[in-house]
Amino acid sequence: MTDGYIYHKDTKFKEDNKSTYITPQTIRANGLNTSKWEEKFNDDNYGFIPATQGLDNLEVLVLGINPDSKNPYEEDVIRKYWSEWFDAMGVEKYEIKTAGLPANMDKVIKDFILK
């Protein structure tokens, strides 16, 4: 379960525009808070640094992303970071869900497992 942001002060690494973290501040600093965010993301090759490859047997359910409400594009940016990261590592089955009601989480988890 995550709010969608990845950050720990001791694991901040960058390789060009790829990194091991995102925060609302880095999203703004990278100019990914405008209507042209996706063009900038793709052109400047933003994203997470892949941890490994060959994870085609791994299934991942990301629960509880909670984008900053001050940026109307932030949910899309977070989803792009996560989905490109999973794709780069070969993860074939994954879903990224926003923070919903806790009462609904059981159904979301069961639906994911049963697919």
PDB file of N, CA and C in Angstrom:
ATOM      1  N   MET A   1       0.851  -1.157   0.000  1.00  0.00           N
ATOM      2  CA  MET A   1       0.000   0.000   0.000  1.00  0.00           C
ATOM      3  C   MET A   1       0.905   1.230   0.000  1.00  0.00           C
ATOM      4  N   THR A   2       0.586   2.221  -0.827  1.00  0.00           N
ATOM      5  CA  THR A   2       1.418   3.408  -0.960  1.00  0.00           C
ATOM      6  C   THR A   2       0.571   4.600  -1.357  1.00  0.00           C
ATOM      7  N   ASP A   3       1.103   5.787  -1.132  1.00  0.00           N
ATOM      8  CA  ASP A   3       0.433   6.987  -1.625  1.00  0.00           C
ATOM      9  C   ASP A   3       0.854   7.264  -3.067  1.00  0.00           C
ATOM     10  N   GLY A   4       1.720   6.431  -3.603  1.00  0.00           N
ATOM     11  CA  GLY A   4       2.166   6.571  -4.981  1.00  0.00           C
ATOM     12  C   GLY A   4       3.542   7.186  -5.110  1.00  0.00           C
ATOM     13  N   TYR A   5       3.943   7.900  -4.092  1.00  0.00           N
ATOM     14  CA  TYR A   5       5.259   8.518  -4.118  1.00  0.00           C
ATOM     15  C   TYR A   5       6.269   7.538  -3.548  1.00  0.00           C
ATOM     16  N   ILE A   6       7.434   7.513  -4.145  1.00  0.00           N
ATOM     17  CA  ILE A   6       8.511   6.686  -3.620  1.00  0.00           C
ATOM     18  C   ILE A   6       9.585   7.649  -3.149  1.00  0.00           C
ATOM     19  N   TYR A   7       9.956   7.551  -1.881  1.00  0.00           N
ATOM     20  CA  TYR A   7      10.981   8.440  -1.362  1.00  0.00           C
ATOM     21  C   TYR A   7      11.522   7.906  -0.049  1.00  0.00           C
ATOM     22  N   HIS A   8      12.825   7.904   0.054  1.00  0.00           N
ATOM     23  CA  HIS A   8      13.514   7.695   1.327  1.00  0.00           C
ATOM     24  C   HIS A   8      14.810   8.486   1.233  1.00  0.00           C
ATOM     25  N   LYS A   9      15.102   9.250   2.249  1.00  0.00           N
ATOM     26  CA  LYS A   9      16.247  10.166   2.194  1.00  0.00           C
ATOM     27  C   LYS A   9      17.570   9.462   1.901  1.00  0.00           C
ATOM     28  N   ASP A  10      17.689   8.189   2.244  1.00  0.00           N
ATOM     29  CA  ASP A  10      18.941   7.466   2.037  1.00  0.00           C
ATOM     30  C   ASP A  10      19.002   6.700   0.718  1.00  0.00           C
ATOM     31  N   THR A  11      17.958   6.775  -0.085  1.00  0.00           N
ATOM     32  CA  THR A  11      17.960   6.041  -1.355  1.00  0.00           C
ATOM     33  C   THR A  11      17.587   6.951  -2.517  1.00  0.00           C
ATOM     34  N   LYS A  12      18.125   8.151  -2.516  1.00  0.00           N
ATOM     35  CA  LYS A  12      17.869   9.100  -3.600  1.00  0.00           C
ATOM     36  C   LYS A  12      18.993   8.992  -4.628  1.00  0.00           C
ATOM     37  N   PHE A  13      18.706   8.310  -5.742  1.00  0.00           N
ATOM     38  CA  PHE A  13      19.678   8.162  -6.809  1.00  0.00           C
ATOM     39  C   PHE A  13      19.074   8.689  -8.099  1.00  0.00           C
ATOM     40  N   LYS A  14      19.944   9.249  -8.961  1.00  0.00           N
ATOM     41  CA  LYS A  14      19.503   9.734 -10.264  1.00  0.00           C
ATOM     42  C   LYS A  14      20.461   9.249 -11.332  1.00  0.00           C
ATOM     43  N   GLU A  15      19.899   8.918 -12.483  1.00  0.00           N
ATOM     44  CA  GLU A  15      20.660   8.623 -13.691  1.00  0.00           C
ATOM     45  C   GLU A  15      19.985   9.417 -14.793  1.00  0.00           C
ATOM     46  N   ASP A  16      20.579  10.534 -15.165  1.00  0.00           N
ATOM     47  CA  ASP A  16      19.952  11.488 -16.077  1.00  0.00           C
ATOM     48  C   ASP A  16      18.614  11.909 -15.471  1.00  0.00           C
ATOM     49  N   ASN A  17      17.504  11.691 -16.164  1.00  0.00           N
ATOM     50  CA  ASN A  17      16.194  12.063 -15.613  1.00  0.00           C
ATOM     51  C   ASN A  17      15.451  10.882 -14.989  1.00  0.00           C
ATOM     52  N   LYS A  18      16.103   9.745 -14.912  1.00  0.00           N
ATOM     53  CA  LYS A  18      15.535   8.596 -14.195  1.00  0.00           C
ATOM     54  C   LYS A  18      15.987   8.700 -12.743  1.00  0.00           C
ATOM     55  N   SER A  19      15.135   8.273 -11.832  1.00  0.00           N
ATOM     56  CA  SER A  19      15.483   8.358 -10.415  1.00  0.00           C
ATOM     57  C   SER A  19      14.862   7.193  -9.655  1.00  0.00           C
ATOM     58  N   THR A  20      15.198   7.117  -8.385  1.00  0.00           N
ATOM     59  CA  THR A  20      14.632   6.085  -7.518  1.00  0.00           C
ATOM     60  C   THR A  20      13.477   6.629  -6.700  1.00  0.00           C
ATOM     61  N   TYR A  21      13.042   7.848  -6.993  1.00  0.00           N
ATOM     62  CA  TYR A  21      12.026   8.477  -6.145  1.00  0.00           C
ATOM     63  C   TYR A  21      11.212   9.502  -6.929  1.00  0.00           C
ATOM     64  N   ILE A  22      10.007   9.766  -6.438  1.00  0.00           N
ATOM     65  CA  ILE A  22       9.240  10.945  -6.850  1.00  0.00           C
ATOM     66  C   ILE A  22       8.536  11.488  -5.618  1.00  0.00           C
ATOM     67  N   THR A  23       8.368  12.772  -5.627  1.00  0.00           N
ATOM     68  CA  THR A  23       7.606  13.477  -4.596  1.00  0.00           C
ATOM     69  C   THR A  23       6.814  14.563  -5.309  1.00  0.00           C
ATOM     70  N   PRO A  24       5.826  15.157  -4.660  1.00  0.00           N
ATOM     71  CA  PRO A  24       5.134  16.283  -5.295  1.00  0.00           C
ATOM     72  C   PRO A  24       6.116  17.395  -5.687  1.00  0.00           C
ATOM     73  N   GLN A  25       7.145  17.582  -4.879  1.00  0.00           N
ATOM     74  CA  GLN A  25       8.124  18.628  -5.160  1.00  0.00           C
ATOM     75  C   GLN A  25       8.937  18.319  -6.416  1.00  0.00           C
ATOM     76  N   THR A  26       9.348  17.060  -6.598  1.00  0.00           N
ATOM     77  CA  THR A  26      10.118  16.730  -7.798  1.00  0.00           C
ATOM     78  C   THR A  26       9.239  16.766  -9.041  1.00  0.00           C
ATOM     79  N   ILE A  27       7.991  16.413  -8.904  1.00  0.00           N
ATOM     80  CA  ILE A  27       7.073  16.498 -10.044  1.00  0.00           C
ATOM     81  C   ILE A  27       6.969  17.950 -10.506  1.00  0.00           C
ATOM     82  N   ARG A  28       6.812  18.877  -9.555  1.00  0.00           N
ATOM     83  CA  ARG A  28       6.753  20.306  -9.903  1.00  0.00           C
ATOM     84  C   ARG A  28       8.090  20.795 -10.459  1.00  0.00           C
ATOM     85  N   ALA A  29       9.186  20.440  -9.795  1.00  0.00           N
ATOM     86  CA  ALA A  29      10.513  20.900 -10.221  1.00  0.00           C
ATOM     87  C   ALA A  29      10.856  20.411 -11.629  1.00  0.00           C
ATOM     88  N   ASN A  30      10.354  19.250 -12.007  1.00  0.00           N
ATOM     89  CA  ASN A  30      10.618  18.697 -13.335  1.00  0.00           C
ATOM     90  C   ASN A  30       9.640  19.209 -14.384  1.00  0.00           C
ATOM     91  N   GLY A  31       8.729  20.083 -13.987  1.00  0.00           N
ATOM     92  CA  GLY A  31       7.780  20.655 -14.940  1.00  0.00           C
ATOM     93  C   GLY A  31       6.707  19.687 -15.392  1.00  0.00           C
ATOM     94  N   LEU A  32       6.398  18.702 -14.552  1.00  0.00           N
ATOM     95  CA  LEU A  32       5.384  17.705 -14.902  1.00  0.00           C
ATOM     96  C   LEU A  32       4.027  18.071 -14.309  1.00  0.00           C
ATOM     97  N   ASN A  33       3.792  19.352 -14.138  1.00  0.00           N
ATOM     98  CA  ASN A  33       2.536  19.840 -13.558  1.00  0.00           C
ATOM     99  C   ASN A  33       1.806  20.771 -14.523  1.00  0.00           C
ATOM    100  N   THR A  34       2.001  20.548 -15.826  1.00  0.00           N
ATOM    101  CA  THR A  34       1.306  21.329 -16.848  1.00  0.00           C
ATOM    102  C   THR A  34       0.595  20.376 -17.804  1.00  0.00           C
ATOM    103  N   SER A  35      -0.196  20.944 -18.683  1.00  0.00           N
ATOM    104  CA  SER A  35      -0.933  20.106 -19.638  1.00  0.00           C
ATOM    105  C   SER A  35      -0.003  19.386 -20.613  1.00  0.00           C
ATOM    106  N   LYS A  36       1.227  19.825 -20.716  1.00  0.00           N
ATOM    107  CA  LYS A  36       2.203  19.179 -21.604  1.00  0.00           C
ATOM    108  C   LYS A  36       3.133  18.234 -20.840  1.00  0.00           C
ATOM    109  N   TRP A  37       2.690  17.774 -19.673  1.00  0.00           N
ATOM    110  CA  TRP A  37       3.535  16.925 -18.829  1.00  0.00           C
ATOM    111  C   TRP A  37       3.973  15.649 -19.539  1.00  0.00           C
ATOM    112  N   GLU A  38       3.050  15.017 -20.285  1.00  0.00           N
ATOM    113  CA  GLU A  38       3.387  13.726 -20.899  1.00  0.00           C
ATOM    114  C   GLU A  38       4.427  13.892 -22.007  1.00  0.00           C
ATOM    115  N   GLU A  39       4.298  14.954 -22.769  1.00  0.00           N
ATOM    116  CA  GLU A  39       5.286  15.242 -23.809  1.00  0.00           C
ATOM    117  C   GLU A  39       6.670  15.442 -23.173  1.00  0.00           C
ATOM    118  N   LYS A  40       6.716  16.218 -22.100  1.00  0.00           N
ATOM    119  CA  LYS A  40       7.980  16.459 -21.393  1.00  0.00           C
ATOM    120  C   LYS A  40       8.514  15.159 -20.790  1.00  0.00           C
ATOM    121  N   PHE A  41       7.640  14.374 -20.196  1.00  0.00           N
ATOM    122  CA  PHE A  41       8.027  13.092 -19.593  1.00  0.00           C
ATOM    123  C   PHE A  41       8.708  12.211 -20.640  1.00  0.00           C
ATOM    124  N   ASN A  42       8.070  12.079 -21.796  1.00  0.00           N
ATOM    125  CA  ASN A  42       8.597  11.214 -22.853  1.00  0.00           C
ATOM    126  C   ASN A  42       9.855  11.795 -23.495  1.00  0.00           C
ATOM    127  N   ASP A  43       9.819  13.090 -23.840  1.00  0.00           N
ATOM    128  CA  ASP A  43      10.957  13.719 -24.512  1.00  0.00           C
ATOM    129  C   ASP A  43      12.209  13.730 -23.643  1.00  0.00           C
ATOM    130  N   ASP A  44      12.029  13.975 -22.354  1.00  0.00           N
ATOM    131  CA  ASP A  44      13.170  14.088 -21.443  1.00  0.00           C
ATOM    132  C   ASP A  44      13.482  12.782 -20.710  1.00  0.00           C
ATOM    133  N   ASN A  45      12.741  11.722 -21.035  1.00  0.00           N
ATOM    134  CA  ASN A  45      12.990  10.379 -20.507  1.00  0.00           C
ATOM    135  C   ASN A  45      12.960  10.319 -18.978  1.00  0.00           C
ATOM    136  N   TYR A  46      11.892  10.854 -18.392  1.00  0.00           N
ATOM    137  CA  TYR A  46      11.707  10.756 -16.945  1.00  0.00           C
ATOM    138  C   TYR A  46      11.218   9.358 -16.585  1.00  0.00           C
ATOM    139  N   GLY A  47      11.347   9.000 -15.333  1.00  0.00           N
ATOM    140  CA  GLY A  47      10.840   7.734 -14.837  1.00  0.00           C
ATOM    141  C   GLY A  47      11.686   7.209 -13.697  1.00  0.00           C
ATOM    142  N   PHE A  48      11.313   6.032 -13.226  1.00  0.00           N
ATOM    143  CA  PHE A  48      12.086   5.349 -12.195  1.00  0.00           C
ATOM    144  C   PHE A  48      13.209   4.554 -12.845  1.00  0.00           C
ATOM    145  N   ILE A  49      14.297   4.396 -12.128  1.00  0.00           N
ATOM    146  CA  ILE A  49      15.383   3.521 -12.560  1.00  0.00           C
ATOM    147  C   ILE A  49      14.914   2.079 -12.327  1.00  0.00           C
ATOM    148  N   PRO A  50      14.878   1.248 -13.368  1.00  0.00           N
ATOM    149  CA  PRO A  50      14.455  -0.143 -13.156  1.00  0.00           C
ATOM    150  C   PRO A  50      15.370  -0.847 -12.157  1.00  0.00           C
ATOM    151  N   ALA A  51      14.772  -1.610 -11.262  1.00  0.00           N
ATOM    152  CA  ALA A  51      15.530  -2.322 -10.233  1.00  0.00           C
ATOM    153  C   ALA A  51      16.155  -3.594 -10.786  1.00  0.00           C
ATOM    154  N   THR A  52      15.476  -4.214 -11.733  1.00  0.00           N
ATOM    155  CA  THR A  52      15.925  -5.476 -12.317  1.00  0.00           C
ATOM    156  C   THR A  52      15.105  -5.716 -13.577  1.00  0.00           C
ATOM    157  N   GLN A  53      15.226  -6.895 -14.164  1.00  0.00           N
ATOM    158  CA  GLN A  53      14.420  -7.279 -15.322  1.00  0.00           C
ATOM    159  C   GLN A  53      13.931  -8.701 -15.119  1.00  0.00           C
ATOM    160  N   GLY A  54      13.061  -9.143 -16.024  1.00  0.00           N
ATOM    161  CA  GLY A  54      12.615 -10.530 -15.984  1.00  0.00           C
ATOM    162  C   GLY A  54      11.598 -10.842 -14.906  1.00  0.00           C
ATOM    163  N   LEU A  55      10.791  -9.870 -14.547  1.00  0.00           N
ATOM    164  CA  LEU A  55       9.785 -10.089 -13.501  1.00  0.00           C
ATOM    165  C   LEU A  55       8.424 -10.449 -14.091  1.00  0.00           C
ATOM    166  N   ASP A  56       8.429 -11.195 -15.190  1.00  0.00           N
ATOM    167  CA  ASP A  56       7.186 -11.517 -15.876  1.00  0.00           C
ATOM    168  C   ASP A  56       6.258 -12.401 -15.053  1.00  0.00           C
ATOM    169  N   ASN A  57       6.758 -13.062 -14.031  1.00  0.00           N
ATOM    170  CA  ASN A  57       5.901 -13.888 -13.171  1.00  0.00           C
ATOM    171  C   ASN A  57       5.414 -13.149 -11.933  1.00  0.00           C
ATOM    172  N   LEU A  58       5.811 -11.903 -11.790  1.00  0.00           N
ATOM    173  CA  LEU A  58       5.409 -11.110 -10.634  1.00  0.00           C
ATOM    174  C   LEU A  58       4.092 -10.396 -10.923  1.00  0.00           C
ATOM    175  N   GLU A  59       3.188 -10.411  -9.972  1.00  0.00           N
ATOM    176  CA  GLU A  59       1.925  -9.686 -10.072  1.00  0.00           C
ATOM    177  C   GLU A  59       1.915  -8.621  -8.986  1.00  0.00           C
ATOM    178  N   VAL A  60       1.596  -7.378  -9.370  1.00  0.00           N
ATOM    179  CA  VAL A  60       1.692  -6.259  -8.433  1.00  0.00           C
ATOM    180  C   VAL A  60       0.386  -5.479  -8.409  1.00  0.00           C
ATOM    181  N   LEU A  61      -0.101  -5.248  -7.212  1.00  0.00           N
ATOM    182  CA  LEU A  61      -1.267  -4.394  -7.005  1.00  0.00           C
ATOM    183  C   LEU A  61      -0.816  -3.215  -6.153  1.00  0.00           C
ATOM    184  N   VAL A  62      -0.804  -2.039  -6.751  1.00  0.00           N
ATOM    185  CA  VAL A  62      -0.441  -0.815  -6.037  1.00  0.00           C
ATOM    186  C   VAL A  62      -1.737  -0.198  -5.532  1.00  0.00           C
ATOM    187  N   LEU A  63      -1.865  -0.113  -4.227  1.00  0.00           N
ATOM    188  CA  LEU A  63      -3.089   0.408  -3.614  1.00  0.00           C
ATOM    189  C   LEU A  63      -2.836   1.740  -2.934  1.00  0.00           C
ATOM    190  N   GLY A  64      -3.748   2.648  -3.095  1.00  0.00           N
ATOM    191  CA  GLY A  64      -3.750   3.846  -2.271  1.00  0.00           C
ATOM    192  C   GLY A  64      -2.978   5.024  -2.792  1.00  0.00           C
ATOM    193  N   ILE A  65      -2.761   5.130  -4.126  1.00  0.00           N
ATOM    194  CA  ILE A  65      -2.070   6.336  -4.568  1.00  0.00           C
ATOM    195  C   ILE A  65      -2.946   7.539  -4.236  1.00  0.00           C
ATOM    196  N   ASN A  66      -2.297   8.583  -3.807  1.00  0.00           N
ATOM    197  CA  ASN A  66      -3.006   9.763  -3.320  1.00  0.00           C
ATOM    198  C   ASN A  66      -2.313  11.013  -3.846  1.00  0.00           C
ATOM    199  N   PRO A  67      -2.610  11.393  -5.101  1.00  0.00           N
ATOM    200  CA  PRO A  67      -1.920  12.527  -5.708  1.00  0.00           C
ATOM    201  C   PRO A  67      -2.249  13.850  -5.019  1.00  0.00           C
ATOM    202  N   ASP A  68      -1.308  14.767  -5.121  1.00  0.00           N
ATOM    203  CA  ASP A  68      -1.477  16.116  -4.581  1.00  0.00           C
ATOM    204  C   ASP A  68      -2.613  16.804  -5.338  1.00  0.00           C
ATOM    205  N   SER A  69      -3.608  17.249  -4.630  1.00  0.00           N
ATOM    206  CA  SER A  69      -4.786  17.860  -5.263  1.00  0.00           C
ATOM    207  C   SER A  69      -4.471  19.207  -5.906  1.00  0.00           C
ATOM    208  N   LYS A  70      -3.305  19.787  -5.621  1.00  0.00           N
ATOM    209  CA  LYS A  70      -2.934  21.074  -6.223  1.00  0.00           C
ATOM    210  C   LYS A  70      -2.461  20.921  -7.666  1.00  0.00           C
ATOM    211  N   ASN A  71      -2.230  19.688  -8.109  1.00  0.00           N
ATOM    212  CA  ASN A  71      -1.773  19.433  -9.473  1.00  0.00           C
ATOM    213  C   ASN A  71      -2.768  18.492 -10.149  1.00  0.00           C
ATOM    214  N   PRO A  72      -3.570  19.000 -11.089  1.00  0.00           N
ATOM    215  CA  PRO A  72      -4.582  18.153 -11.727  1.00  0.00           C
ATOM    216  C   PRO A  72      -3.999  17.027 -12.583  1.00  0.00           C
ATOM    217  N   TYR A  73      -2.707  17.075 -12.871  1.00  0.00           N
ATOM    218  CA  TYR A  73      -2.068  16.056 -13.707  1.00  0.00           C
ATOM    219  C   TYR A  73      -1.310  15.019 -12.885  1.00  0.00           C
ATOM    220  N   GLU A  74      -1.242  15.231 -11.586  1.00  0.00           N
ATOM    221  CA  GLU A  74      -0.361  14.420 -10.749  1.00  0.00           C
ATOM    222  C   GLU A  74      -0.721  12.935 -10.746  1.00  0.00           C
ATOM    223  N   GLU A  75      -1.994  12.603 -10.724  1.00  0.00           N
ATOM    224  CA  GLU A  75      -2.358  11.182 -10.756  1.00  0.00           C
ATOM    225  C   GLU A  75      -1.851  10.528 -12.032  1.00  0.00           C
ATOM    226  N   ASP A  76      -2.005  11.198 -13.150  1.00  0.00           N
ATOM    227  CA  ASP A  76      -1.523  10.646 -14.416  1.00  0.00           C
ATOM    228  C   ASP A  76      -0.003  10.500 -14.416  1.00  0.00           C
ATOM    229  N   VAL A  77       0.687  11.475 -13.843  1.00  0.00           N
ATOM    230  CA  VAL A  77       2.149  11.414 -13.759  1.00  0.00           C
ATOM    231  C   VAL A  77       2.578  10.224 -12.904  1.00  0.00           C
ATOM    232  N   ILE A  78       1.955  10.068 -11.749  1.00  0.00           N
ATOM    233  CA  ILE A  78       2.290   8.950 -10.863  1.00  0.00           C
ATOM    234  C   ILE A  78       2.036   7.618 -11.565  1.00  0.00           C
ATOM    235  N   ARG A  79       0.894   7.501 -12.220  1.00  0.00           N
ATOM    236  CA  ARG A  79       0.584   6.258 -12.942  1.00  0.00           C
ATOM    237  C   ARG A  79       1.615   5.982 -14.034  1.00  0.00           C
ATOM    238  N   LYS A  80       2.049   7.017 -14.730  1.00  0.00           N
ATOM    239  CA  LYS A  80       3.044   6.861 -15.799  1.00  0.00           C
ATOM    240  C   LYS A  80       4.377   6.374 -15.223  1.00  0.00           C
ATOM    241  N   TYR A  81       4.820   6.984 -14.123  1.00  0.00           N
ATOM    242  CA  TYR A  81       6.055   6.528 -13.476  1.00  0.00           C
ATOM    243  C   TYR A  81       5.969   5.041 -13.146  1.00  0.00           C
ATOM    244  N   TRP A  82       4.904   4.672 -12.436  1.00  0.00           N
ATOM    245  CA  TRP A  82       4.762   3.276 -11.990  1.00  0.00           C
ATOM    246  C   TRP A  82       4.622   2.318 -13.173  1.00  0.00           C
ATOM    247  N   SER A  83       3.762   2.623 -14.136  1.00  0.00           N
ATOM    248  CA  SER A  83       3.517   1.680 -15.234  1.00  0.00           C
ATOM    249  C   SER A  83       4.759   1.502 -16.099  1.00  0.00           C
ATOM    250  N   GLU A  84       5.480   2.585 -16.372  1.00  0.00           N
ATOM    251  CA  GLU A  84       6.705   2.438 -17.168  1.00  0.00           C
ATOM    252  C   GLU A  84       7.768   1.652 -16.404  1.00  0.00           C
ATOM    253  N   TRP A  85       7.801   1.828 -15.089  1.00  0.00           N
ATOM    254  CA  TRP A  85       8.755   1.089 -14.254  1.00  0.00           C
ATOM    255  C   TRP A  85       8.439  -0.402 -14.304  1.00  0.00           C
ATOM    256  N   PHE A  86       7.177  -0.752 -14.116  1.00  0.00           N
ATOM    257  CA  PHE A  86       6.782  -2.162 -14.182  1.00  0.00           C
ATOM    258  C   PHE A  86       7.064  -2.740 -15.563  1.00  0.00           C
ATOM    259  N   ASP A  87       6.728  -1.991 -16.616  1.00  0.00           N
ATOM    260  CA  ASP A  87       6.983  -2.464 -17.979  1.00  0.00           C
ATOM    261  C   ASP A  87       8.476  -2.706 -18.208  1.00  0.00           C
ATOM    262  N   ALA A  88       9.318  -1.785 -17.740  1.00  0.00           N
ATOM    263  CA  ALA A  88      10.768  -1.915 -17.928  1.00  0.00           C
ATOM    264  C   ALA A  88      11.326  -3.143 -17.218  1.00  0.00           C
ATOM    265  N   MET A  89      10.684  -3.549 -16.143  1.00  0.00           N
ATOM    266  CA  MET A  89      11.151  -4.721 -15.390  1.00  0.00           C
ATOM    267  C   MET A  89      10.466  -6.007 -15.838  1.00  0.00           C
ATOM    268  N   GLY A  90       9.558  -5.899 -16.809  1.00  0.00           N
ATOM    269  CA  GLY A  90       8.903  -7.086 -17.344  1.00  0.00           C
ATOM    270  C   GLY A  90       7.675  -7.538 -16.584  1.00  0.00           C
ATOM    271  N   VAL A  91       7.197  -6.738 -15.640  1.00  0.00           N
ATOM    272  CA  VAL A  91       5.988  -7.106 -14.895  1.00  0.00           C
ATOM    273  C   VAL A  91       4.814  -7.043 -15.869  1.00  0.00           C
ATOM    274  N   GLU A  92       4.133  -8.163 -16.051  1.00  0.00           N
ATOM    275  CA  GLU A  92       3.041  -8.218 -17.023  1.00  0.00           C
ATOM    276  C   GLU A  92       1.679  -7.947 -16.408  1.00  0.00           C
ATOM    277  N   LYS A  93       1.505  -8.302 -15.152  1.00  0.00           N
ATOM    278  CA  LYS A  93       0.204  -8.095 -14.509  1.00  0.00           C
ATOM    279  C   LYS A  93       0.368  -7.129 -13.342  1.00  0.00           C
ATOM    280  N   TYR A  94      -0.207  -5.954 -13.519  1.00  0.00           N
ATOM    281  CA  TYR A  94      -0.200  -4.979 -12.437  1.00  0.00           C
ATOM    282  C   TYR A  94      -1.404  -4.059 -12.572  1.00  0.00           C
ATOM    283  N   GLU A  95      -1.807  -3.519 -11.463  1.00  0.00           N
ATOM    284  CA  GLU A  95      -2.860  -2.509 -11.422  1.00  0.00           C
ATOM    285  C   GLU A  95      -2.437  -1.438 -10.437  1.00  0.00           C
ATOM    286  N   ILE A  96      -2.833  -0.214 -10.738  1.00  0.00           N
ATOM    287  CA  ILE A  96      -2.506   0.935  -9.899  1.00  0.00           C
ATOM    288  C   ILE A  96      -3.821   1.583  -9.512  1.00  0.00           C
ATOM    289  N   LYS A  97      -4.124   1.574  -8.226  1.00  0.00           N
ATOM    290  CA  LYS A  97      -5.416   2.060  -7.735  1.00  0.00           C
ATOM    291  C   LYS A  97      -5.233   3.274  -6.833  1.00  0.00           C
ATOM    292  N   THR A  98      -6.172   4.195  -6.922  1.00  0.00           N
ATOM    293  CA  THR A  98      -6.145   5.363  -6.046  1.00  0.00           C
ATOM    294  C   THR A  98      -6.609   4.986  -4.644  1.00  0.00           C
ATOM    295  N   ALA A  99      -6.396   5.914  -3.740  1.00  0.00           N
ATOM    296  CA  ALA A  99      -6.830   5.704  -2.352  1.00  0.00           C
ATOM    297  C   ALA A  99      -8.351   5.732  -2.338  1.00  0.00           C
ATOM    298  N   GLY A 100      -8.943   4.627  -2.054  1.00  0.00           N
ATOM    299  CA  GLY A 100     -10.397   4.530  -1.980  1.00  0.00           C
ATOM    300  C   GLY A 100     -10.833   4.311  -0.555  1.00  0.00           C
ATOM    301  N   LEU A 101     -12.068   4.007  -0.405  1.00  0.00           N
ATOM    302  CA  LEU A 101     -12.573   3.707   0.930  1.00  0.00           C
ATOM    303  C   LEU A 101     -11.978   2.393   1.420  1.00  0.00           C
ATOM    304  N   PRO A 102     -11.512   2.356   2.657  1.00  0.00           N
ATOM    305  CA  PRO A 102     -10.949   1.109   3.188  1.00  0.00           C
ATOM    306  C   PRO A 102     -11.910  -0.073   3.066  1.00  0.00           C
ATOM    307  N   ALA A 103     -13.200   0.188   3.160  1.00  0.00           N
ATOM    308  CA  ALA A 103     -14.188  -0.891   3.061  1.00  0.00           C
ATOM    309  C   ALA A 103     -14.177  -1.542   1.681  1.00  0.00           C
ATOM    310  N   ASN A 104     -13.712  -0.821   0.657  1.00  0.00           N
ATOM    311  CA  ASN A 104     -13.695  -1.354  -0.705  1.00  0.00           C
ATOM    312  C   ASN A 104     -12.408  -2.099  -1.040  1.00  0.00           C
ATOM    313  N   MET A 105     -11.397  -1.980  -0.202  1.00  0.00           N
ATOM    314  CA  MET A 105     -10.097  -2.572  -0.502  1.00  0.00           C
ATOM    315  C   MET A 105     -10.155  -4.092  -0.610  1.00  0.00           C
ATOM    316  N   ASP A 106     -10.946  -4.729   0.226  1.00  0.00           N
ATOM    317  CA  ASP A 106     -11.056  -6.182   0.191  1.00  0.00           C
ATOM    318  C   ASP A 106     -11.515  -6.645  -1.185  1.00  0.00           C
ATOM    319  N   LYS A 107     -12.514  -5.995  -1.743  1.00  0.00           N
ATOM    320  CA  LYS A 107     -13.024  -6.352  -3.067  1.00  0.00           C
ATOM    321  C   LYS A 107     -11.966  -6.096  -4.146  1.00  0.00           C
ATOM    322  N   VAL A 108     -11.282  -4.965  -4.066  1.00  0.00           N
ATOM    323  CA  VAL A 108     -10.241  -4.635  -5.042  1.00  0.00           C
ATOM    324  C   VAL A 108      -9.152  -5.705  -5.036  1.00  0.00           C
ATOM    325  N   ILE A 109      -8.728  -6.112  -3.853  1.00  0.00           N
ATOM    326  CA  ILE A 109      -7.686  -7.135  -3.724  1.00  0.00           C
ATOM    327  C   ILE A 109      -8.177  -8.477  -4.265  1.00  0.00           C
ATOM    328  N   LYS A 110      -9.374  -8.878  -3.878  1.00  0.00           N
ATOM    329  CA  LYS A 110      -9.916 -10.156  -4.361  1.00  0.00           C
ATOM    330  C   LYS A 110     -10.076 -10.152  -5.871  1.00  0.00           C
ATOM    331  N   ASP A 111     -10.594  -9.056  -6.431  1.00  0.00           N
ATOM    332  CA  ASP A 111     -10.759  -8.965  -7.882  1.00  0.00           C
ATOM    333  C   ASP A 111      -9.419  -9.103  -8.600  1.00  0.00           C
ATOM    334  N   PHE A 112      -8.384  -8.487  -8.055  1.00  0.00           N
ATOM    335  CA  PHE A 112      -7.056  -8.566  -8.664  1.00  0.00           C
ATOM    336  C   PHE A 112      -6.534 -10.003  -8.630  1.00  0.00           C
ATOM    337  N   ILE A 113      -6.669 -10.650  -7.504  1.00  0.00           N
ATOM    338  CA  ILE A 113      -6.162 -12.016  -7.340  1.00  0.00           C
ATOM    339  C   ILE A 113      -6.900 -12.989  -8.252  1.00  0.00           C
ATOM    340  N   LEU A 114      -8.191 -12.780  -8.426  1.00  0.00           N
ATOM    341  CA  LEU A 114      -9.000 -13.719  -9.204  1.00  0.00           C
ATOM    342  C   LEU A 114      -8.938 -13.486 -10.708  1.00  0.00           C
ATOM    343  N   LYS A 115      -8.312 -12.420 -11.157  1.00  0.00           N
ATOM    344  CA  LYS A 115      -8.212 -12.165 -12.606  1.00  0.00           C
ATOM    345  C   LYS A 115      -7.236 -13.096 -13.260  1.00  0.00           C
TER     346      LYS A 115
END
